[in-house]
C-alpha cells in the first residue's frame, strides 16, 4: 500500500452528488410546481410581529392570490377523494 507524500498531500476534486435515477419524474414534478406556483413569495407582506387586526384586506388578497394554485389543487383533490368512491359505489350497486 502506497501512502504517497504525507507531509504535502494532494487532494482530488472530492465526491460528486449522485445523479437522479428518475430524471423524467423530477422534471415533471418541477414543471408541475412551476405551473401551480409561478410567482415568488411576497415576503414584504409577511411580518410575524403584527397582530391579525393589522393585516389589510389588500395584503390578505395578495397572499390568497399567491396561494391560488395550491388552493385549486387542494379543491380538486378533495373533490376526487369524495367523487371517486361515490361513483365506484354507484357503478357497483347500480349495474344497469
Protein backbone atom coordinates (compact mmCIF):
# COMPACT_ATOMS: atom_id res chain seq x y z
CA UNK A 1 0.00 0.00 0.00
CA UNK A 2 1.46 3.32 -1.07
CA UNK A 3 0.81 6.34 1.15
CA UNK A 4 2.26 9.00 -1.14
CA UNK A 5 3.69 12.22 0.22
CA UNK A 6 2.33 12.51 3.77
CA UNK A 7 3.82 15.95 4.53
CA UNK A 8 2.29 17.52 1.37
CA UNK A 9 -0.82 15.59 0.41
CA UNK A 10 -2.62 16.14 -2.87
CA UNK A 11 -6.37 16.37 -2.80
CA UNK A 12 -8.75 15.36 -5.57
CA UNK A 13 -12.00 17.05 -6.57
CA UNK A 14 -13.96 15.05 -4.00
CA UNK A 15 -17.16 13.10 -4.32
CA UNK A 16 -19.89 14.30 -6.66
CA UNK A 17 -23.57 14.31 -5.93
CA UNK A 18 -25.23 11.28 -7.47
CA UNK A 19 -27.40 11.93 -10.48
CA UNK A 20 -31.10 11.25 -10.23
CA UNK A 21 -32.20 7.79 -11.31
CA UNK A 22 -35.57 9.20 -12.42
CA UNK A 23 -34.92 12.44 -14.33
CA UNK A 24 -38.35 12.27 -16.00
CA UNK A 25 -40.19 12.29 -12.69
CA UNK A 26 -38.02 15.12 -11.35
CA UNK A 27 -38.66 17.20 -14.48
CA UNK A 28 -42.40 16.50 -14.27
CA UNK A 29 -42.55 17.50 -10.58
CA UNK A 30 -40.65 20.74 -11.17
CA UNK A 31 -42.88 21.53 -14.15
CA UNK A 32 -45.99 20.98 -12.02
CA UNK A 33 -44.66 23.21 -9.24
CA UNK A 34 -43.79 25.96 -11.75
CA UNK A 35 -47.29 25.67 -13.21
CA UNK A 36 -49.04 25.82 -9.82
CA UNK A 37 -46.80 28.47 -8.24
CA UNK A 38 -45.07 30.64 -10.86
CA UNK A 39 -44.65 33.72 -8.63
CA UNK A 40 -42.16 34.20 -5.77
CA UNK A 41 -43.44 34.55 -2.21
CA UNK A 42 -44.26 38.20 -1.37
CA UNK A 43 -42.02 38.35 1.71
CA UNK A 44 -42.75 42.03 2.30
CA UNK A 45 -46.33 41.16 3.27
CA UNK A 46 -45.35 38.72 5.99
CA UNK A 47 -44.41 40.34 9.28
CA UNK A 48 -44.56 38.00 12.23
CA UNK A 49 -44.66 40.85 14.73
CA UNK A 50 -48.08 42.04 13.53
CA UNK A 51 -51.31 41.02 15.12
CA UNK A 52 -54.17 39.72 12.97
CA UNK A 53 -56.04 43.02 13.17
CA UNK A 54 -53.15 44.86 11.50
CA UNK A 55 -53.44 42.93 8.21
CA UNK A 56 -55.00 44.95 5.44
CA UNK A 57 -57.52 43.49 3.01
CA UNK A 58 -55.11 44.05 0.10
CA UNK A 59 -52.40 42.04 1.88
CA UNK A 60 -54.74 39.14 2.53
CA UNK A 61 -55.99 39.28 -1.07
CA UNK A 62 -52.43 39.24 -2.42
CA UNK A 63 -51.46 36.28 -0.23
CA UNK A 64 -54.56 34.37 -1.33
CA UNK A 65 -53.76 35.18 -4.94
CA UNK A 66 -50.25 33.85 -4.34
CA UNK A 67 -51.69 30.61 -2.93
CA UNK A 68 -54.43 30.30 -5.57
CA UNK A 69 -52.72 27.47 -7.46
CA UNK A 70 -52.35 25.37 -4.32
CA UNK A 71 -55.94 26.12 -3.27
CA UNK A 72 -57.28 24.97 -6.65
CA UNK A 73 -55.21 21.77 -6.48
CA UNK A 74 -56.47 21.10 -2.95
CA UNK A 75 -60.09 21.64 -4.05
CA UNK A 76 -59.68 19.26 -6.98
CA UNK A 77 -58.06 16.71 -4.67
CA UNK A 78 -60.93 16.89 -2.17
CA UNK A 79 -63.44 16.55 -5.00
CA UNK A 80 -61.67 13.47 -6.30
CA UNK A 81 -61.44 11.95 -2.82
CA UNK A 82 -65.21 12.34 -2.46
CA UNK A 83 -66.37 11.65 -6.02
CA UNK A 84 -64.29 8.60 -6.95
CA UNK A 85 -65.56 6.33 -4.13
CA UNK A 86 -69.12 7.65 -4.65
CA UNK A 87 -69.03 6.88 -8.37
CA UNK A 88 -67.46 3.49 -7.69
CA UNK A 89 -70.23 2.68 -5.25
CA UNK A 90 -72.85 3.72 -7.82
CA UNK A 91 -71.28 1.55 -10.51
CA UNK A 92 -71.08 -1.43 -8.15
CA UNK A 93 -74.60 -1.13 -6.75
CA UNK A 94 -76.46 0.04 -9.86
CA UNK A 95 -75.09 -2.17 -12.61
CA UNK A 96 -77.83 -1.41 -15.11
